[in-house]
Amino acid sequence: MVDDSATVRTLIRINLELEGFEVQEADSGARCLELVPGPDVVTLDLLLPETGPDGLDVLRRLKRDPALGRPRVVVVTAAALPEDRRLGESAGADAYITKPFEPVDLVDAVRALAEPGDR
């Protein structure tokens, strides 16, 4: 999971771990790219600190670079305008959830994308 907010990371981690998922945390796009390949599903904030790659750049790299394993990606972001969603989807997002979000919606999206044979 990638989010620059420790609070959001904790919320996501707790909800996914309660459902049996193993969770790795990254607070920046650069840290995310260090952790892959590995995860089957990445939750990714598009609005990351300016000190590294932004969320859209990370998303594009995750989806296009075979060396990164091409994980499924659930965008979890405050970028809620229709054009934000279009950008995320065109960059390869498999699901798009806007903040604030219902934890059950996030868990359902991750579960659906983590299903074997759903690639």
PDB file of N, CA and C in Angstrom:
ATOM      1  N   MET A   1       0.841  -1.159   0.000  1.00  0.00           N
ATOM      2  CA  MET A   1       0.000   0.000   0.000  1.00  0.00           C
ATOM      3  C   MET A   1       0.891   1.226   0.000  1.00  0.00           C
ATOM      4  N   VAL A   2       0.471   2.227  -0.774  1.00  0.00           N
ATOM      5  CA  VAL A   2       1.262   3.443  -0.909  1.00  0.00           C
ATOM      6  C   VAL A   2       0.379   4.646  -0.590  1.00  0.00           C
ATOM      7  N   ASP A   3       0.760   5.359   0.472  1.00  0.00           N
ATOM      8  CA  ASP A   3       0.074   6.599   0.834  1.00  0.00           C
ATOM      9  C   ASP A   3       1.022   7.406   1.702  1.00  0.00           C
ATOM     10  N   ASP A   4       1.062   8.718   1.505  1.00  0.00           N
ATOM     11  CA  ASP A   4       1.956   9.548   2.313  1.00  0.00           C
ATOM     12  C   ASP A   4       1.380   9.847   3.695  1.00  0.00           C
ATOM     13  N   SER A   5       0.130   9.517   3.940  1.00  0.00           N
ATOM     14  CA  SER A   5      -0.498   9.743   5.239  1.00  0.00           C
ATOM     15  C   SER A   5      -0.386   8.489   6.106  1.00  0.00           C
ATOM     16  N   ALA A   6       0.276   8.626   7.250  1.00  0.00           N
ATOM     17  CA  ALA A   6       0.407   7.491   8.175  1.00  0.00           C
ATOM     18  C   ALA A   6      -0.964   7.031   8.664  1.00  0.00           C
ATOM     19  N   THR A   7      -1.883   7.959   8.831  1.00  0.00           N
ATOM     20  CA  THR A   7      -3.232   7.614   9.289  1.00  0.00           C
ATOM     21  C   THR A   7      -3.954   6.748   8.266  1.00  0.00           C
ATOM     22  N   VAL A   8      -3.881   7.134   7.013  1.00  0.00           N
ATOM     23  CA  VAL A   8      -4.536   6.356   5.958  1.00  0.00           C
ATOM     24  C   VAL A   8      -3.865   4.993   5.829  1.00  0.00           C
ATOM     25  N   ARG A   9      -2.527   4.949   5.896  1.00  0.00           N
ATOM     26  CA  ARG A   9      -1.836   3.656   5.830  1.00  0.00           C
ATOM     27  C   ARG A   9      -2.288   2.736   6.952  1.00  0.00           C
ATOM     28  N   THR A  10      -2.430   3.274   8.151  1.00  0.00           N
ATOM     29  CA  THR A  10      -2.883   2.455   9.275  1.00  0.00           C
ATOM     30  C   THR A  10      -4.287   1.936   9.035  1.00  0.00           C
ATOM     31  N   LEU A  11      -5.187   2.785   8.559  1.00  0.00           N
ATOM     32  CA  LEU A  11      -6.565   2.376   8.274  1.00  0.00           C
ATOM     33  C   LEU A  11      -6.597   1.258   7.231  1.00  0.00           C
ATOM     34  N   ILE A  12      -5.858   1.438   6.161  1.00  0.00           N
ATOM     35  CA  ILE A  12      -5.833   0.419   5.110  1.00  0.00           C
ATOM     36  C   ILE A  12      -5.211  -0.872   5.640  1.00  0.00           C
ATOM     37  N   ARG A  13      -4.067  -0.759   6.308  1.00  0.00           N
ATOM     38  CA  ARG A  13      -3.377  -1.950   6.819  1.00  0.00           C
ATOM     39  C   ARG A  13      -4.267  -2.752   7.744  1.00  0.00           C
ATOM     40  N   ILE A  14      -4.893  -2.107   8.717  1.00  0.00           N
ATOM     41  CA  ILE A  14      -5.739  -2.812   9.681  1.00  0.00           C
ATOM     42  C   ILE A  14      -6.881  -3.528   8.972  1.00  0.00           C
ATOM     43  N   ASN A  15      -7.552  -2.832   8.065  1.00  0.00           N
ATOM     44  CA  ASN A  15      -8.698  -3.446   7.380  1.00  0.00           C
ATOM     45  C   ASN A  15      -8.290  -4.612   6.496  1.00  0.00           C
ATOM     46  N   LEU A  16      -7.161  -4.504   5.819  1.00  0.00           N
ATOM     47  CA  LEU A  16      -6.723  -5.612   4.970  1.00  0.00           C
ATOM     48  C   LEU A  16      -6.183  -6.778   5.806  1.00  0.00           C
ATOM     49  N   GLU A  17      -5.452  -6.481   6.862  1.00  0.00           N
ATOM     50  CA  GLU A  17      -4.942  -7.558   7.713  1.00  0.00           C
ATOM     51  C   GLU A  17      -6.073  -8.304   8.411  1.00  0.00           C
ATOM     52  N   LEU A  18      -7.129  -7.604   8.800  1.00  0.00           N
ATOM     53  CA  LEU A  18      -8.280  -8.272   9.410  1.00  0.00           C
ATOM     54  C   LEU A  18      -8.926  -9.264   8.453  1.00  0.00           C
ATOM     55  N   GLU A  19      -8.740  -9.054   7.154  1.00  0.00           N
ATOM     56  CA  GLU A  19      -9.287  -9.952   6.137  1.00  0.00           C
ATOM     57  C   GLU A  19      -8.277 -10.989   5.681  1.00  0.00           C
ATOM     58  N   GLY A  20      -7.118 -11.037   6.351  1.00  0.00           N
ATOM     59  CA  GLY A  20      -6.130 -12.067   6.065  1.00  0.00           C
ATOM     60  C   GLY A  20      -5.071 -11.709   5.044  1.00  0.00           C
ATOM     61  N   PHE A  21      -5.040 -10.466   4.592  1.00  0.00           N
ATOM     62  CA  PHE A  21      -4.028 -10.050   3.623  1.00  0.00           C
ATOM     63  C   PHE A  21      -2.732  -9.687   4.334  1.00  0.00           C
ATOM     64  N   GLU A  22      -1.618 -10.013   3.696  1.00  0.00           N
ATOM     65  CA  GLU A  22      -0.313  -9.559   4.160  1.00  0.00           C
ATOM     66  C   GLU A  22      -0.079  -8.195   3.534  1.00  0.00           C
ATOM     67  N   VAL A  23       0.328  -7.212   4.333  1.00  0.00           N
ATOM     68  CA  VAL A  23       0.417  -5.828   3.862  1.00  0.00           C
ATOM     69  C   VAL A  23       1.828  -5.285   4.052  1.00  0.00           C
ATOM     70  N   GLN A  24       2.346  -4.662   3.001  1.00  0.00           N
ATOM     71  CA  GLN A  24       3.590  -3.902   3.067  1.00  0.00           C
ATOM     72  C   GLN A  24       3.234  -2.442   2.865  1.00  0.00           C
ATOM     73  N   GLU A  25       3.933  -1.554   3.575  1.00  0.00           N
ATOM     74  CA  GLU A  25       3.619  -0.128   3.506  1.00  0.00           C
ATOM     75  C   GLU A  25       4.731   0.650   2.824  1.00  0.00           C
ATOM     76  N   ALA A  26       4.328   1.656   2.052  1.00  0.00           N
ATOM     77  CA  ALA A  26       5.262   2.612   1.457  1.00  0.00           C
ATOM     78  C   ALA A  26       4.665   4.004   1.608  1.00  0.00           C
ATOM     79  N   ASP A  27       5.515   4.964   1.966  1.00  0.00           N
ATOM     80  CA  ASP A  27       5.034   6.335   2.133  1.00  0.00           C
ATOM     81  C   ASP A  27       5.374   7.226   0.944  1.00  0.00           C
ATOM     82  N   SER A  28       5.943   6.622  -0.100  1.00  0.00           N
ATOM     83  CA  SER A  28       6.301   7.390  -1.296  1.00  0.00           C
ATOM     84  C   SER A  28       6.304   6.467  -2.508  1.00  0.00           C
ATOM     85  N   GLY A  29       6.265   7.086  -3.682  1.00  0.00           N
ATOM     86  CA  GLY A  29       6.334   6.310  -4.906  1.00  0.00           C
ATOM     87  C   GLY A  29       7.657   5.583  -5.039  1.00  0.00           C
ATOM     88  N   ALA A  30       8.741   6.245  -4.636  1.00  0.00           N
ATOM     89  CA  ALA A  30      10.062   5.618  -4.722  1.00  0.00           C
ATOM     90  C   ALA A  30      10.122   4.363  -3.853  1.00  0.00           C
ATOM     91  N   ARG A  31       9.586   4.450  -2.646  1.00  0.00           N
ATOM     92  CA  ARG A  31       9.598   3.280  -1.745  1.00  0.00           C
ATOM     93  C   ARG A  31       8.740   2.158  -2.319  1.00  0.00           C
ATOM     94  N   CYS A  32       7.625   2.491  -2.922  1.00  0.00           N
ATOM     95  CA  CYS A  32       6.771   1.487  -3.556  1.00  0.00           C
ATOM     96  C   CYS A  32       7.551   0.718  -4.610  1.00  0.00           C
ATOM     97  N   LEU A  33       8.263   1.437  -5.458  1.00  0.00           N
ATOM     98  CA  LEU A  33       8.997   0.800  -6.538  1.00  0.00           C
ATOM     99  C   LEU A  33      10.123  -0.084  -6.011  1.00  0.00           C
ATOM    100  N   GLU A  34      10.617   0.201  -4.802  1.00  0.00           N
ATOM    101  CA  GLU A  34      11.622  -0.659  -4.172  1.00  0.00           C
ATOM    102  C   GLU A  34      11.013  -1.983  -3.711  1.00  0.00           C
ATOM    103  N   LEU A  35       9.720  -1.986  -3.381  1.00  0.00           N
ATOM    104  CA  LEU A  35       9.053  -3.173  -2.835  1.00  0.00           C
ATOM    105  C   LEU A  35       8.532  -4.127  -3.909  1.00  0.00           C
ATOM    106  N   VAL A  36       8.506  -3.703  -5.158  1.00  0.00           N
ATOM    107  CA  VAL A  36       8.001  -4.559  -6.225  1.00  0.00           C
ATOM    108  C   VAL A  36       9.176  -5.061  -7.052  1.00  0.00           C
ATOM    109  N   PRO A  37       9.075  -6.228  -7.707  1.00  0.00           N
ATOM    110  CA  PRO A  37       7.884  -7.062  -7.728  1.00  0.00           C
ATOM    111  C   PRO A  37       7.685  -7.760  -6.396  1.00  0.00           C
ATOM    112  N   GLY A  38       6.514  -8.175  -6.183  1.00  0.00           N
ATOM    113  CA  GLY A  38       6.169  -8.840  -4.938  1.00  0.00           C
ATOM    114  C   GLY A  38       4.685  -8.890  -4.726  1.00  0.00           C
ATOM    115  N   PRO A  39       4.074  -7.735  -4.466  1.00  0.00           N
ATOM    116  CA  PRO A  39       2.643  -7.775  -4.157  1.00  0.00           C
ATOM    117  C   PRO A  39       1.796  -8.104  -5.383  1.00  0.00           C
ATOM    118  N   ASP A  40       0.704  -8.813  -5.133  1.00  0.00           N
ATOM    119  CA  ASP A  40      -0.262  -9.103  -6.196  1.00  0.00           C
ATOM    120  C   ASP A  40      -1.138  -7.889  -6.474  1.00  0.00           C
ATOM    121  N   VAL A  41      -1.431  -7.121  -5.409  1.00  0.00           N
ATOM    122  CA  VAL A  41      -2.299  -5.947  -5.511  1.00  0.00           C
ATOM    123  C   VAL A  41      -1.619  -4.799  -4.772  1.00  0.00           C
ATOM    124  N   VAL A  42      -1.635  -3.626  -5.388  1.00  0.00           N
ATOM    125  CA  VAL A  42      -1.098  -2.416  -4.766  1.00  0.00           C
ATOM    126  C   VAL A  42      -2.237  -1.429  -4.610  1.00  0.00           C
ATOM    127  N   THR A  43      -2.387  -0.855  -3.406  1.00  0.00           N
ATOM    128  CA  THR A  43      -3.277   0.295  -3.252  1.00  0.00           C
ATOM    129  C   THR A  43      -2.378   1.524  -3.358  1.00  0.00           C
ATOM    130  N   LEU A  44      -2.797   2.486  -4.153  1.00  0.00           N
ATOM    131  CA  LEU A  44      -1.911   3.591  -4.515  1.00  0.00           C
ATOM    132  C   LEU A  44      -2.634   4.925  -4.474  1.00  0.00           C
ATOM    133  N   ASP A  45      -2.097   5.835  -3.674  1.00  0.00           N
ATOM    134  CA  ASP A  45      -2.575   7.217  -3.672  1.00  0.00           C
ATOM    135  C   ASP A  45      -1.949   7.919  -4.870  1.00  0.00           C
ATOM    136  N   LEU A  46      -2.709   8.706  -5.589  1.00  0.00           N
ATOM    137  CA  LEU A  46      -2.155   9.450  -6.719  1.00  0.00           C
ATOM    138  C   LEU A  46      -1.444  10.719  -6.272  1.00  0.00           C
ATOM    139  N   LEU A  47      -1.823  11.244  -5.108  1.00  0.00           N
ATOM    140  CA  LEU A  47      -1.274  12.508  -4.625  1.00  0.00           C
ATOM    141  C   LEU A  47      -0.164  12.222  -3.624  1.00  0.00           C
ATOM    142  N   LEU A  48       1.043  12.005  -4.152  1.00  0.00           N
ATOM    143  CA  LEU A  48       2.204  11.673  -3.325  1.00  0.00           C
ATOM    144  C   LEU A  48       3.124  12.872  -3.221  1.00  0.00           C
ATOM    145  N   PRO A  49       4.040  12.867  -2.249  1.00  0.00           N
ATOM    146  CA  PRO A  49       4.959  14.001  -2.074  1.00  0.00           C
ATOM    147  C   PRO A  49       5.748  14.309  -3.341  1.00  0.00           C
ATOM    148  N   GLU A  50       6.100  15.560  -3.502  1.00  0.00           N
ATOM    149  CA  GLU A  50       6.814  16.008  -4.693  1.00  0.00           C
ATOM    150  C   GLU A  50       8.268  15.548  -4.727  1.00  0.00           C
ATOM    151  N   THR A  51       8.742  14.881  -3.687  1.00  0.00           N
ATOM    152  CA  THR A  51      10.149  14.481  -3.621  1.00  0.00           C
ATOM    153  C   THR A  51      10.465  13.259  -4.472  1.00  0.00           C
ATOM    154  N   GLY A  52       9.477  12.654  -5.072  1.00  0.00           N
ATOM    155  CA  GLY A  52       9.713  11.471  -5.892  1.00  0.00           C
ATOM    156  C   GLY A  52       8.652  11.376  -6.958  1.00  0.00           C
ATOM    157  N   PRO A  53       8.538  10.194  -7.576  1.00  0.00           N
ATOM    158  CA  PRO A  53       7.524  10.056  -8.616  1.00  0.00           C
ATOM    159  C   PRO A  53       6.117  10.214  -8.043  1.00  0.00           C
ATOM    160  N   ASP A  54       5.239  10.869  -8.815  1.00  0.00           N
ATOM    161  CA  ASP A  54       3.859  11.012  -8.350  1.00  0.00           C
ATOM    162  C   ASP A  54       3.110   9.704  -8.594  1.00  0.00           C
ATOM    163  N   GLY A  55       1.889   9.640  -8.098  1.00  0.00           N
ATOM    164  CA  GLY A  55       1.114   8.415  -8.172  1.00  0.00           C
ATOM    165  C   GLY A  55       0.842   7.951  -9.588  1.00  0.00           C
ATOM    166  N   LEU A  56       0.556   8.881 -10.495  1.00  0.00           N
ATOM    167  CA  LEU A  56       0.313   8.485 -11.886  1.00  0.00           C
ATOM    168  C   LEU A  56       1.562   7.891 -12.524  1.00  0.00           C
ATOM    169  N   ASP A  57       2.714   8.473 -12.227  1.00  0.00           N
ATOM    170  CA  ASP A  57       3.960   7.936 -12.761  1.00  0.00           C
ATOM    171  C   ASP A  57       4.205   6.527 -12.206  1.00  0.00           C
ATOM    172  N   VAL A  58       3.988   6.349 -10.921  1.00  0.00           N
ATOM    173  CA  VAL A  58       4.163   5.030 -10.308  1.00  0.00           C
ATOM    174  C   VAL A  58       3.199   4.032 -10.945  1.00  0.00           C
ATOM    175  N   LEU A  59       1.948   4.433 -11.112  1.00  0.00           N
ATOM    176  CA  LEU A  59       0.951   3.560 -11.716  1.00  0.00           C
ATOM    177  C   LEU A  59       1.382   3.134 -13.118  1.00  0.00           C
ATOM    178  N   ARG A  60       1.801   4.074 -13.923  1.00  0.00           N
ATOM    179  CA  ARG A  60       2.244   3.748 -15.287  1.00  0.00           C
ATOM    180  C   ARG A  60       3.419   2.771 -15.268  1.00  0.00           C
ATOM    181  N   ARG A  61       4.368   3.011 -14.370  1.00  0.00           N
ATOM    182  CA  ARG A  61       5.535   2.132 -14.283  1.00  0.00           C
ATOM    183  C   ARG A  61       5.138   0.736 -13.810  1.00  0.00           C
ATOM    184  N   LEU A  62       4.256   0.655 -12.827  1.00  0.00           N
ATOM    185  CA  LEU A  62       3.811  -0.647 -12.329  1.00  0.00           C
ATOM    186  C   LEU A  62       3.129  -1.465 -13.425  1.00  0.00           C
ATOM    187  N   LYS A  63       2.359  -0.801 -14.255  1.00  0.00           N
ATOM    188  CA  LYS A  63       1.577  -1.505 -15.269  1.00  0.00           C
ATOM    189  C   LYS A  63       2.372  -1.811 -16.536  1.00  0.00           C
ATOM    190  N   ARG A  64       3.423  -1.047 -16.815  1.00  0.00           N
ATOM    191  CA  ARG A  64       4.126  -1.212 -18.093  1.00  0.00           C
ATOM    192  C   ARG A  64       5.462  -1.930 -17.994  1.00  0.00           C
ATOM    193  N   ASP A  65       6.074  -1.950 -16.817  1.00  0.00           N
ATOM    194  CA  ASP A  65       7.406  -2.531 -16.688  1.00  0.00           C
ATOM    195  C   ASP A  65       7.301  -3.970 -16.195  1.00  0.00           C
ATOM    196  N   PRO A  66       7.575  -4.951 -17.053  1.00  0.00           N
ATOM    197  CA  PRO A  66       7.459  -6.345 -16.630  1.00  0.00           C
ATOM    198  C   PRO A  66       8.368  -6.692 -15.443  1.00  0.00           C
ATOM    199  N   ALA A  67       9.470  -5.971 -15.287  1.00  0.00           N
ATOM    200  CA  ALA A  67      10.377  -6.232 -14.161  1.00  0.00           C
ATOM    201  C   ALA A  67       9.723  -5.903 -12.822  1.00  0.00           C
ATOM    202  N   LEU A  68       8.659  -5.107 -12.831  1.00  0.00           N
ATOM    203  CA  LEU A  68       7.957  -4.747 -11.591  1.00  0.00           C
ATOM    204  C   LEU A  68       6.791  -5.687 -11.301  1.00  0.00           C
ATOM    205  N   GLY A  69       6.603  -6.697 -12.127  1.00  0.00           N
ATOM    206  CA  GLY A  69       5.593  -7.718 -11.863  1.00  0.00           C
ATOM    207  C   GLY A  69       4.184  -7.389 -12.314  1.00  0.00           C
ATOM    208  N   ARG A  70       3.972  -6.165 -12.782  1.00  0.00           N
ATOM    209  CA  ARG A  70       2.646  -5.722 -13.235  1.00  0.00           C
ATOM    210  C   ARG A  70       1.516  -6.109 -12.275  1.00  0.00           C
ATOM    211  N   PRO A  71       1.595  -5.660 -11.016  1.00  0.00           N
ATOM    212  CA  PRO A  71       0.528  -5.987 -10.061  1.00  0.00           C
ATOM    213  C   PRO A  71      -0.779  -5.300 -10.425  1.00  0.00           C
ATOM    214  N   ARG A  72      -1.863  -5.818  -9.898  1.00  0.00           N
ATOM    215  CA  ARG A  72      -3.146  -5.131  -9.988  1.00  0.00           C
ATOM    216  C   ARG A  72      -3.059  -3.906  -9.095  1.00  0.00           C
ATOM    217  N   VAL A  73      -3.743  -2.809  -9.467  1.00  0.00           N
ATOM    218  CA  VAL A  73      -3.633  -1.557  -8.712  1.00  0.00           C
ATOM    219  C   VAL A  73      -5.015  -0.996  -8.406  1.00  0.00           C
ATOM    220  N   VAL A  74      -5.239  -0.746  -7.117  1.00  0.00           N
ATOM    221  CA  VAL A  74      -6.430  -0.048  -6.653  1.00  0.00           C
ATOM    222  C   VAL A  74      -5.981   1.363  -6.293  1.00  0.00           C
ATOM    223  N   VAL A  75      -6.422   2.337  -7.064  1.00  0.00           N
ATOM    224  CA  VAL A  75      -6.127   3.725  -6.731  1.00  0.00           C
ATOM    225  C   VAL A  75      -7.051   4.117  -5.577  1.00  0.00           C
ATOM    226  N   VAL A  76      -6.450   4.680  -4.508  1.00  0.00           N
ATOM    227  CA  VAL A  76      -7.199   5.174  -3.350  1.00  0.00           C
ATOM    228  C   VAL A  76      -6.731   6.605  -3.142  1.00  0.00           C
ATOM    229  N   THR A  77      -7.554   7.566  -3.551  1.00  0.00           N
ATOM    230  CA  THR A  77      -7.066   8.940  -3.648  1.00  0.00           C
ATOM    231  C   THR A  77      -8.157   9.969  -3.391  1.00  0.00           C
ATOM    232  N   ALA A  78      -7.712  11.178  -3.067  1.00  0.00           N
ATOM    233  CA  ALA A  78      -8.637  12.306  -2.938  1.00  0.00           C
ATOM    234  C   ALA A  78      -8.865  12.977  -4.294  1.00  0.00           C
ATOM    235  N   ALA A  79      -8.155  12.544  -5.323  1.00  0.00           N
ATOM    236  CA  ALA A  79      -8.331  13.084  -6.669  1.00  0.00           C
ATOM    237  C   ALA A  79      -9.638  12.519  -7.229  1.00  0.00           C
ATOM    238  N   ALA A  80     -10.730  13.256  -6.986  1.00  0.00           N
ATOM    239  CA  ALA A  80     -12.073  12.712  -7.212  1.00  0.00           C
ATOM    240  C   ALA A  80     -12.801  13.286  -8.422  1.00  0.00           C
ATOM    241  N   LEU A  81     -12.167  14.172  -9.162  1.00  0.00           N
ATOM    242  CA  LEU A  81     -12.833  14.736 -10.337  1.00  0.00           C
ATOM    243  C   LEU A  81     -12.920  13.686 -11.444  1.00  0.00           C
ATOM    244  N   PRO A  82     -13.923  13.803 -12.315  1.00  0.00           N
ATOM    245  CA  PRO A  82     -14.033  12.831 -13.418  1.00  0.00           C
ATOM    246  C   PRO A  82     -12.759  12.717 -14.258  1.00  0.00           C
ATOM    247  N   GLU A  83     -12.085  13.848 -14.504  1.00  0.00           N
ATOM    248  CA  GLU A  83     -10.850  13.774 -15.296  1.00  0.00           C
ATOM    249  C   GLU A  83      -9.736  13.062 -14.544  1.00  0.00           C
ATOM    250  N   ASP A  84      -9.734  13.154 -13.193  1.00  0.00           N
ATOM    251  CA  ASP A  84      -8.763  12.403 -12.390  1.00  0.00           C
ATOM    252  C   ASP A  84      -8.987  10.906 -12.577  1.00  0.00           C
ATOM    253  N   ARG A  85     -10.231  10.494 -12.500  1.00  0.00           N
ATOM    254  CA  ARG A  85     -10.579   9.080 -12.676  1.00  0.00           C
ATOM    255  C   ARG A  85     -10.175   8.606 -14.077  1.00  0.00           C
ATOM    256  N   ARG A  86     -10.465   9.424 -15.092  1.00  0.00           N
ATOM    257  CA  ARG A  86     -10.094   9.045 -16.463  1.00  0.00           C
ATOM    258  C   ARG A  86      -8.577   8.880 -16.601  1.00  0.00           C
ATOM    259  N   LEU A  87      -7.831   9.807 -16.004  1.00  0.00           N
ATOM    260  CA  LEU A  87      -6.373   9.699 -16.042  1.00  0.00           C
ATOM    261  C   LEU A  87      -5.899   8.418 -15.364  1.00  0.00           C
ATOM    262  N   GLY A  88      -6.456   8.125 -14.194  1.00  0.00           N
ATOM    263  CA  GLY A  88      -6.081   6.914 -13.468  1.00  0.00           C
ATOM    264  C   GLY A  88      -6.403   5.656 -14.247  1.00  0.00           C
ATOM    265  N   GLU A  89      -7.587   5.625 -14.815  1.00  0.00           N
ATOM    266  CA  GLU A  89      -7.993   4.445 -15.583  1.00  0.00           C
ATOM    267  C   GLU A  89      -7.159   4.302 -16.855  1.00  0.00           C
ATOM    268  N   SER A  90      -6.855   5.412 -17.519  1.00  0.00           N
ATOM    269  CA  SER A  90      -6.046   5.321 -18.745  1.00  0.00           C
ATOM    270  C   SER A  90      -4.602   4.930 -18.429  1.00  0.00           C
ATOM    271  N   ALA A  91      -4.137   5.224 -17.218  1.00  0.00           N
ATOM    272  CA  ALA A  91      -2.788   4.831 -16.804  1.00  0.00           C
ATOM    273  C   ALA A  91      -2.734   3.374 -16.358  1.00  0.00           C
ATOM    274  N   GLY A  92      -3.903   2.734 -16.201  1.00  0.00           N
ATOM    275  CA  GLY A  92      -3.910   1.306 -15.888  1.00  0.00           C
ATOM    276  C   GLY A  92      -4.549   0.896 -14.578  1.00  0.00           C
ATOM    277  N   ALA A  93      -5.190   1.827 -13.872  1.00  0.00           N
ATOM    278  CA  ALA A  93      -5.837   1.451 -12.605  1.00  0.00           C
ATOM    279  C   ALA A  93      -6.871   0.355 -12.844  1.00  0.00           C
ATOM    280  N   ASP A  94      -6.835  -0.660 -11.998  1.00  0.00           N
ATOM    281  CA  ASP A  94      -7.811  -1.748 -12.086  1.00  0.00           C
ATOM    282  C   ASP A  94      -9.078  -1.414 -11.300  1.00  0.00           C
ATOM    283  N   ALA A  95      -8.953  -0.538 -10.320  1.00  0.00           N
ATOM    284  CA  ALA A  95     -10.095  -0.046  -9.536  1.00  0.00           C
ATOM    285  C   ALA A  95      -9.735   1.356  -9.070  1.00  0.00           C
ATOM    286  N   TYR A  96     -10.761   2.180  -8.809  1.00  0.00           N
ATOM    287  CA  TYR A  96     -10.538   3.579  -8.435  1.00  0.00           C
ATOM    288  C   TYR A  96     -11.489   3.911  -7.297  1.00  0.00           C
ATOM    289  N   ILE A  97     -10.932   4.214  -6.134  1.00  0.00           N
ATOM    290  CA  ILE A  97     -11.727   4.534  -4.947  1.00  0.00           C
ATOM    291  C   ILE A  97     -11.319   5.918  -4.473  1.00  0.00           C
ATOM    292  N   THR A  98     -12.298   6.774  -4.212  1.00  0.00           N
ATOM    293  CA  THR A  98     -11.978   8.126  -3.750  1.00  0.00           C
ATOM    294  C   THR A  98     -12.128   8.236  -2.239  1.00  0.00           C
ATOM    295  N   LYS A  99     -11.272   9.086  -1.675  1.00  0.00           N
ATOM    296  CA  LYS A  99     -11.304   9.376  -0.242  1.00  0.00           C
ATOM    297  C   LYS A  99     -12.327  10.466   0.002  1.00  0.00           C
ATOM    298  N   PRO A 100     -13.015  10.456   1.124  1.00  0.00           N
ATOM    299  CA  PRO A 100     -13.033   9.378   2.114  1.00  0.00           C
ATOM    300  C   PRO A 100     -13.724   8.148   1.536  1.00  0.00           C
ATOM    301  N   PHE A 101     -13.321   6.979   2.002  1.00  0.00           N
ATOM    302  CA  PHE A 101     -13.857   5.741   1.453  1.00  0.00           C
ATOM    303  C   PHE A 101     -14.369   4.846   2.574  1.00  0.00           C
ATOM    304  N   GLU A 102     -15.216   3.934   2.193  1.00  0.00           N
ATOM    305  CA  GLU A 102     -15.698   2.922   3.128  1.00  0.00           C
ATOM    306  C   GLU A 102     -14.711   1.767   3.108  1.00  0.00           C
ATOM    307  N   PRO A 103     -14.180   1.366   4.260  1.00  0.00           N
ATOM    308  CA  PRO A 103     -13.214   0.270   4.286  1.00  0.00           C
ATOM    309  C   PRO A 103     -13.711  -0.999   3.587  1.00  0.00           C
ATOM    310  N   VAL A 104     -14.999  -1.289   3.687  1.00  0.00           N
ATOM    311  CA  VAL A 104     -15.524  -2.489   3.034  1.00  0.00           C
ATOM    312  C   VAL A 104     -15.366  -2.396   1.514  1.00  0.00           C
ATOM    313  N   ASP A 105     -15.488  -1.204   0.939  1.00  0.00           N
ATOM    314  CA  ASP A 105     -15.314  -1.040  -0.501  1.00  0.00           C
ATOM    315  C   ASP A 105     -13.865  -1.332  -0.907  1.00  0.00           C
ATOM    316  N   LEU A 106     -12.930  -0.868  -0.085  1.00  0.00           N
ATOM    317  CA  LEU A 106     -11.526  -1.131  -0.361  1.00  0.00           C
ATOM    318  C   LEU A 106     -11.231  -2.630  -0.265  1.00  0.00           C
ATOM    319  N   VAL A 107     -11.682  -3.256   0.800  1.00  0.00           N
ATOM    320  CA  VAL A 107     -11.445  -4.692   0.993  1.00  0.00           C
ATOM    321  C   VAL A 107     -12.057  -5.480  -0.165  1.00  0.00           C
ATOM    322  N   ASP A 108     -13.270  -5.127  -0.563  1.00  0.00           N
ATOM    323  CA  ASP A 108     -13.921  -5.824  -1.673  1.00  0.00           C
ATOM    324  C   ASP A 108     -13.122  -5.681  -2.967  1.00  0.00           C
ATOM    325  N   ALA A 109     -12.606  -4.484  -3.234  1.00  0.00           N
ATOM    326  CA  ALA A 109     -11.823  -4.254  -4.454  1.00  0.00           C
ATOM    327  C   ALA A 109     -10.531  -5.065  -4.433  1.00  0.00           C
ATOM    328  N   VAL A 110      -9.833  -5.049  -3.301  1.00  0.00           N
ATOM    329  CA  VAL A 110      -8.585  -5.811  -3.191  1.00  0.00           C
ATOM    330  C   VAL A 110      -8.868  -7.301  -3.315  1.00  0.00           C
ATOM    331  N   ARG A 111      -9.893  -7.769  -2.644  1.00  0.00           N
ATOM    332  CA  ARG A 111     -10.234  -9.193  -2.704  1.00  0.00           C
ATOM    333  C   ARG A 111     -10.538  -9.618  -4.149  1.00  0.00           C
ATOM    334  N   ALA A 112     -11.328  -8.818  -4.851  1.00  0.00           N
ATOM    335  CA  ALA A 112     -11.685  -9.153  -6.223  1.00  0.00           C
ATOM    336  C   ALA A 112     -10.449  -9.230  -7.124  1.00  0.00           C
ATOM    337  N   LEU A 113      -9.496  -8.312  -6.925  1.00  0.00           N
ATOM    338  CA  LEU A 113      -8.306  -8.283  -7.761  1.00  0.00           C
ATOM    339  C   LEU A 113      -7.273  -9.333  -7.356  1.00  0.00           C
ATOM    340  N   ALA A 114      -7.336  -9.786  -6.120  1.00  0.00           N
ATOM    341  CA  ALA A 114      -6.379 -10.781  -5.635  1.00  0.00           C
ATOM    342  C   ALA A 114      -6.801 -12.201  -5.967  1.00  0.00           C
ATOM    343  N   GLU A 115      -8.014 -12.379  -6.485  1.00  0.00           N
ATOM    344  CA  GLU A 115      -8.499 -13.718  -6.807  1.00  0.00           C
ATOM    345  C   GLU A 115      -7.597 -14.381  -7.853  1.00  0.00           C
ATOM    346  N   PRO A 116      -7.160 -15.600  -7.598  1.00  0.00           N
ATOM    347  CA  PRO A 116      -6.350 -16.309  -8.602  1.00  0.00           C
ATOM    348  C   PRO A 116      -7.137 -16.485  -9.894  1.00  0.00           C
ATOM    349  N   GLY A 117      -6.431 -16.405 -10.989  1.00  0.00           N
ATOM    350  CA  GLY A 117      -7.069 -16.606 -12.275  1.00  0.00           C
ATOM    351  C   GLY A 117      -7.819 -15.415 -12.799  1.00  0.00           C
ATOM    352  N   ASP A 118      -7.772 -14.292 -12.078  1.00  0.00           N
ATOM    353  CA  ASP A 118      -8.514 -13.099 -12.486  1.00  0.00           C
ATOM    354  C   ASP A 118      -7.629 -12.133 -13.271  1.00  0.00           C
ATOM    355  N   ARG A 119      -6.467 -12.566 -13.688  1.00  0.00           N
ATOM    356  CA  ARG A 119      -5.551 -11.662 -14.387  1.00  0.00           C
ATOM    357  C   ARG A 119      -5.860 -11.695 -15.816  1.00  0.00           C
TER     358      ARG A 119
END
